[in-house]
């Protein structure tokens, strides 16, 4: 039965419920805010320098601010009506947006990494522990002499698992988590999982990571690179999602260049998992990667 005169109470309930749900969505997803109110940098038709290789990069495509990555079971927020333009470097194929380049940490926390963030990726909370178990298994023979730093982690979840597994030292650092202790000295292994794609200045962060790496030593990290058929998929590719914080998306070439400027080599185990190094410890038995 529709909302007619015969059911005013039910009609009122439906309307009230709709308004409540609409207000909840506004609070959760930040609806009704304009680009200027959010402090996003306005797009320009002029080229700007690629954040990896400095080549002149033109506008490539646009998505809605509330478009998330398409994780299984993830929430799909209502469209915001706020466009986010991405650019693609003609030289290294790096895909990036400068829309968030003026944001401070508080703005990212308010509009991206807020209470609605976990709903976009329900399995995300389990990944730090899963990643820690991989690290613990791979480096088990060397753990009693290893210092490990988890960079850009958001919390101490991964490091706590490594400590519980008997690693000499394991700690975490994240510029957006000031409660974490500041790392001191060099680390045999730096991990950096699902972080580079979230950074408005990934080249600067690569340089920062390298400051913590011992020589010999390595960086085990993850970030998904553009697929071979990206020219066909374009902005519909599932990993392009500003609401999920994915604002810097690497090609294989861009990833190699980002590390090579510091004398590092990066080797990919698959499109999402990589290791970067100048010199690997001989004891690890990974010297074949250097050839």
Protein backbone atom coordinates (compact mmCIF):
# COMPACT_ATOMS: atom_id res chain seq x y z
CA UNK A 1 0.00 0.00 0.00
CA UNK A 2 1.32 3.46 -0.89
CA UNK A 3 1.70 6.44 1.42
CA UNK A 4 -1.87 7.66 1.30
CA UNK A 5 -4.37 9.14 3.71
CA UNK A 6 -5.33 5.69 5.03
CA UNK A 7 -1.92 5.09 6.58
CA UNK A 8 -0.53 8.39 7.87
CA UNK A 9 1.40 6.73 10.70
CA UNK A 10 3.15 4.27 8.39
CA UNK A 11 3.86 7.06 5.88
CA UNK A 12 5.40 9.18 8.62
CA UNK A 13 7.54 6.24 9.74
CA UNK A 14 8.78 5.62 6.23
CA UNK A 15 9.60 9.28 5.69
CA UNK A 16 11.31 9.53 9.07
CA UNK A 17 13.29 6.39 8.37
CA UNK A 18 14.34 7.69 4.98
CA UNK A 19 15.43 11.01 6.45
CA UNK A 20 17.34 9.25 9.22
CA UNK A 21 19.09 7.00 6.71
CA UNK A 22 19.86 9.96 4.47
CA UNK A 23 21.31 11.91 7.41
CA UNK A 24 23.37 8.87 8.43
CA UNK A 25 24.78 8.66 4.91
CA UNK A 26 25.60 12.36 5.01
CA UNK A 27 27.45 11.94 8.30
CA UNK A 28 29.23 8.73 7.25
CA UNK A 29 30.21 9.63 3.70
CA UNK A 30 30.42 13.42 3.88
CA UNK A 31 27.69 14.22 1.37
CA UNK A 32 26.72 17.75 0.37
CA UNK A 33 30.25 19.15 0.46
CA UNK A 34 31.71 20.93 -2.54
CA UNK A 35 35.27 20.64 -3.83
CA UNK A 36 36.07 24.08 -2.46
CA UNK A 37 34.69 23.23 0.98
CA UNK A 38 36.76 20.05 1.03
CA UNK A 39 39.90 21.96 0.11
CA UNK A 40 40.57 19.92 -3.01
CA UNK A 41 42.93 21.45 -5.53
CA UNK A 42 40.92 22.50 -8.61
CA UNK A 43 41.79 20.69 -11.85
CA UNK A 44 43.69 22.45 -14.61
CA UNK A 45 43.86 21.67 -18.31
CA UNK A 46 47.55 22.61 -18.23
CA UNK A 47 50.07 19.80 -17.90
CA UNK A 48 51.86 19.30 -14.60
CA UNK A 49 55.04 17.37 -13.76
CA UNK A 50 54.74 13.65 -13.15
CA UNK A 51 55.36 12.93 -9.48
CA UNK A 52 57.82 10.18 -10.38
CA UNK A 53 59.78 11.25 -13.48
CA UNK A 54 58.80 14.95 -13.90
CA UNK A 55 57.44 14.47 -17.42
CA UNK A 56 54.60 16.79 -18.45
CA UNK A 57 51.38 14.94 -17.67
CA UNK A 58 47.92 15.77 -19.00
CA UNK A 59 44.48 15.03 -17.61
CA UNK A 60 43.58 11.40 -18.26
CA UNK A 61 40.24 10.63 -16.64
CA UNK A 62 37.81 11.46 -13.86
CA UNK A 63 35.86 9.58 -11.20
CA UNK A 64 33.56 10.58 -8.36
CA UNK A 65 35.21 11.35 -5.03
CA UNK A 66 33.17 8.58 -3.39
CA UNK A 67 34.24 5.88 -5.78
CA UNK A 68 35.97 3.16 -3.70
CA UNK A 69 38.11 0.25 -4.79
CA UNK A 70 35.94 -2.76 -5.53
CA UNK A 71 36.78 -5.08 -2.63
CA UNK A 72 34.59 -8.17 -2.03
CA UNK A 73 31.69 -7.24 0.21
CA UNK A 74 32.78 -3.61 0.33
CA UNK A 75 30.29 -0.77 0.72
CA UNK A 76 29.43 1.44 -2.24
CA UNK A 77 28.85 5.00 -0.99
CA UNK A 78 26.38 7.28 -2.76
CA UNK A 79 27.90 9.53 -5.39
CA UNK A 80 29.18 12.79 -3.96
CA UNK A 81 28.96 14.85 -7.15
CA UNK A 82 32.58 15.91 -6.57
CA UNK A 83 34.87 15.01 -9.49
CA UNK A 84 38.44 13.85 -8.95
CA UNK A 85 40.65 14.14 -12.03
CA UNK A 86 43.61 11.84 -12.58
CA UNK A 87 46.62 12.33 -14.84
CA UNK A 88 48.76 9.73 -16.57
CA UNK A 89 52.42 10.28 -17.35
CA UNK A 90 53.25 9.71 -21.03
CA UNK A 91 56.76 8.53 -20.11
CA UNK A 92 56.41 6.20 -17.11
CA UNK A 93 52.59 5.71 -17.14
CA UNK A 94 52.22 6.74 -13.49
CA UNK A 95 48.52 7.43 -12.78
CA UNK A 96 47.94 10.12 -10.18
CA UNK A 97 45.80 13.00 -9.00
CA UNK A 98 46.94 16.28 -7.50
CA UNK A 99 43.48 16.97 -6.05
CA UNK A 100 44.63 16.09 -2.52
CA UNK A 101 48.05 17.72 -2.65
CA UNK A 102 47.03 20.54 -0.30
CA UNK A 103 45.42 18.30 2.31
CA UNK A 104 46.81 17.87 5.80
CA UNK A 105 46.59 14.68 7.83
CA UNK A 106 43.41 15.85 9.59
CA UNK A 107 41.60 16.22 6.28
CA UNK A 108 42.53 12.70 5.19
CA UNK A 109 41.32 11.39 8.54
CA UNK A 110 38.06 13.33 8.30
CA UNK A 111 37.11 12.52 4.71
CA UNK A 112 38.94 9.30 3.75
CA UNK A 113 40.18 7.33 6.77
CA UNK A 114 37.08 7.94 8.85
CA UNK A 115 34.41 5.71 10.40
CA UNK A 116 33.20 4.65 6.96
CA UNK A 117 36.59 3.46 5.74
CA UNK A 118 36.47 -0.08 7.13
CA UNK A 119 33.12 -0.74 5.45
CA UNK A 120 34.76 -0.23 2.06
CA UNK A 121 37.16 -3.13 2.65
CA UNK A 122 35.79 -5.56 5.26
CA UNK A 123 38.78 -7.90 4.94
CA UNK A 124 41.32 -5.11 5.44
CA UNK A 125 41.68 -5.55 9.19
CA UNK A 126 42.94 -9.12 8.74
CA UNK A 127 45.68 -8.30 6.24
CA UNK A 128 48.31 -6.91 8.66
CA UNK A 129 48.31 -10.18 10.60
CA UNK A 130 48.39 -12.19 7.38
CA UNK A 131 51.30 -10.11 6.09
CA UNK A 132 53.11 -10.53 9.41
CA UNK A 133 52.79 -14.30 9.18
CA UNK A 134 54.32 -14.23 5.70
CA UNK A 135 57.26 -12.15 6.95
CA UNK A 136 57.66 -14.37 10.01
CA UNK A 137 57.81 -17.51 7.87
CA UNK A 138 60.18 -16.13 5.25
CA UNK A 139 62.67 -14.67 7.73
CA UNK A 140 62.26 -17.23 10.54
CA UNK A 141 65.91 -18.42 10.41
CA UNK A 142 67.19 -14.86 10.94
CA UNK A 143 64.60 -13.37 13.28
CA UNK A 144 66.66 -13.34 16.46
CA UNK A 145 69.12 -10.91 14.87
CA UNK A 146 66.73 -8.80 12.82
CA UNK A 147 65.35 -5.30 13.26
CA UNK A 148 62.11 -4.81 11.29
CA UNK A 149 60.23 -1.56 10.68
CA UNK A 150 56.66 -1.53 9.38
CA UNK A 151 56.31 1.78 7.51
CA UNK A 152 52.95 3.47 6.95
CA UNK A 153 51.11 0.76 8.82
CA UNK A 154 48.54 2.86 10.68
CA UNK A 155 48.99 0.77 13.84
CA UNK A 156 51.22 -1.77 15.56
CA UNK A 157 49.34 -4.88 14.40
CA UNK A 158 51.99 -6.32 12.07
CA UNK A 159 54.93 -5.47 14.33
CA UNK A 160 53.25 -7.01 17.38
CA UNK A 161 52.90 -10.34 15.56
CA UNK A 162 56.59 -10.28 14.63
CA UNK A 163 57.59 -9.53 18.22
CA UNK A 164 55.43 -12.41 19.41
CA UNK A 165 57.23 -14.63 16.87
CA UNK A 166 60.62 -13.86 18.37
CA UNK A 167 62.05 -11.13 16.16
CA UNK A 168 64.81 -9.16 17.85
CA UNK A 169 62.97 -5.89 17.29
CA UNK A 170 59.85 -4.94 15.35
CA UNK A 171 58.18 -1.56 15.41
CA UNK A 172 55.80 0.54 13.35
CA UNK A 173 55.76 4.13 12.17
CA UNK A 174 53.14 6.22 10.42
CA UNK A 175 52.97 9.99 10.02
CA UNK A 176 49.22 9.78 10.60
CA UNK A 177 49.64 7.81 13.83
CA UNK A 178 51.69 10.11 16.11
CA UNK A 179 51.23 7.79 19.09
CA UNK A 180 53.67 5.34 17.50
CA UNK A 181 57.27 5.77 18.56
CA UNK A 182 59.71 7.39 16.14
CA UNK A 183 62.11 4.83 14.66
CA UNK A 184 65.78 5.19 15.44
CA UNK A 185 68.71 3.76 13.49
CA UNK A 186 68.69 1.35 10.57
CA UNK A 187 66.57 -1.75 10.01
CA UNK A 188 67.45 -5.00 8.27
CA UNK A 189 63.98 -5.14 6.76
CA UNK A 190 61.41 -2.42 6.19
CA UNK A 191 57.90 -3.53 5.29
CA UNK A 192 55.46 -1.21 3.55
CA UNK A 193 52.17 -2.88 2.72
CA UNK A 194 49.38 -1.11 0.81
CA UNK A 195 50.81 2.33 1.49
CA UNK A 196 52.43 3.88 -1.60
CA UNK A 197 49.13 4.14 -3.48
CA UNK A 198 47.71 6.29 -0.66
CA UNK A 199 50.42 8.94 -0.67
CA UNK A 200 50.11 12.31 -2.44
CA UNK A 201 53.93 12.43 -2.66
CA UNK A 202 55.06 8.82 -3.05
CA UNK A 203 58.54 9.74 -4.30
CA UNK A 204 59.27 11.59 -1.05
CA UNK A 205 58.00 8.62 0.94
CA UNK A 206 60.24 6.20 -0.96
CA UNK A 207 63.16 8.45 -0.02
CA UNK A 208 62.01 8.42 3.61
CA UNK A 209 61.73 4.63 3.66
CA UNK A 210 65.27 4.29 2.33
CA UNK A 211 66.60 6.39 5.22
CA UNK A 212 65.68 3.52 7.53
CA UNK A 213 67.12 0.62 5.51
CA UNK A 214 70.41 -0.94 6.61
CA UNK A 215 73.06 -1.82 4.06
CA UNK A 216 72.76 -4.64 3.23
CA UNK A 217 69.00 -4.75 3.76
CA UNK A 218 65.71 -4.61 1.90
CA UNK A 219 62.18 -3.24 1.63
CA UNK A 220 59.35 -5.73 1.27
CA UNK A 221 56.31 -3.83 0.05
CA UNK A 222 53.02 -4.13 -1.76
CA UNK A 223 51.24 -1.87 -4.19
CA UNK A 224 49.26 -3.08 -7.18
CA UNK A 225 50.68 -2.03 -10.56
CA UNK A 226 48.66 -1.13 -13.62
CA UNK A 227 47.49 -4.19 -15.58
CA UNK A 228 48.65 -4.88 -19.11
CA UNK A 229 45.20 -4.02 -20.46
CA UNK A 230 44.81 -0.74 -18.56
CA UNK A 231 44.46 1.16 -21.83
CA UNK A 232 41.29 -0.85 -22.41
CA UNK A 233 39.96 -0.68 -18.85
CA UNK A 234 40.93 2.92 -18.17
CA UNK A 235 39.32 4.56 -15.17
CA UNK A 236 36.91 1.64 -14.75
CA UNK A 237 39.75 -0.51 -13.36
CA UNK A 238 38.73 -1.66 -9.89
CA UNK A 239 41.81 -0.28 -8.11
CA UNK A 240 41.11 3.36 -9.03
CA UNK A 241 39.25 4.64 -5.99
CA UNK A 242 39.78 8.00 -4.29
CA UNK A 243 37.30 7.12 -1.51
CA UNK A 244 39.61 4.22 -0.65
CA UNK A 245 42.56 6.59 -0.71
CA UNK A 246 44.12 5.24 -3.92
CA UNK A 247 45.51 8.42 -5.44
CA UNK A 248 48.97 7.32 -6.68
CA UNK A 249 48.93 4.23 -8.88
CA UNK A 250 52.15 2.84 -10.28
CA UNK A 251 53.04 1.18 -13.52
CA UNK A 252 55.98 -1.24 -13.49
CA UNK A 253 58.11 1.47 -15.11
CA UNK A 254 57.14 4.12 -12.55
CA UNK A 255 57.86 1.74 -9.68
CA UNK A 256 61.31 0.97 -11.05
CA UNK A 257 62.11 4.67 -11.53
CA UNK A 258 60.98 5.63 -8.05
CA UNK A 259 63.53 3.29 -6.46
CA UNK A 260 66.26 3.61 -9.10
CA UNK A 261 66.83 7.30 -8.34
CA UNK A 262 68.23 6.11 -4.98
CA UNK A 263 70.33 3.34 -6.47
CA UNK A 264 67.75 0.70 -5.55
CA UNK A 265 66.50 -2.14 -7.65
CA UNK A 266 62.96 -3.46 -7.29
CA UNK A 267 61.94 -7.02 -8.13
CA UNK A 268 58.29 -8.02 -8.39
CA UNK A 269 57.08 -11.40 -7.17
CA UNK A 270 53.65 -10.66 -8.67
CA UNK A 271 51.78 -7.48 -9.75
CA UNK A 272 51.20 -6.51 -6.13
CA UNK A 273 54.21 -7.69 -4.09
CA UNK A 274 57.77 -6.44 -4.50
CA UNK A 275 61.18 -6.22 -2.85
CA UNK A 276 63.56 -3.27 -3.23
CA UNK A 277 67.25 -3.23 -2.31
CA UNK A 278 70.77 -2.10 -3.13
CA UNK A 279 72.47 -5.14 -1.65
CA UNK A 280 70.76 -8.14 -0.06
CA UNK A 281 72.26 -9.91 2.96
CA UNK A 282 74.00 -13.06 1.71
CA UNK A 283 72.59 -15.09 4.58
CA UNK A 284 69.07 -14.62 3.27
CA UNK A 285 69.82 -16.72 0.21
CA UNK A 286 68.19 -14.22 -2.14
CA UNK A 287 71.31 -13.18 -4.03
CA UNK A 288 69.83 -14.58 -7.25
CA UNK A 289 67.50 -11.58 -7.24
CA UNK A 290 70.52 -9.31 -7.71
CA UNK A 291 71.60 -10.94 -10.97
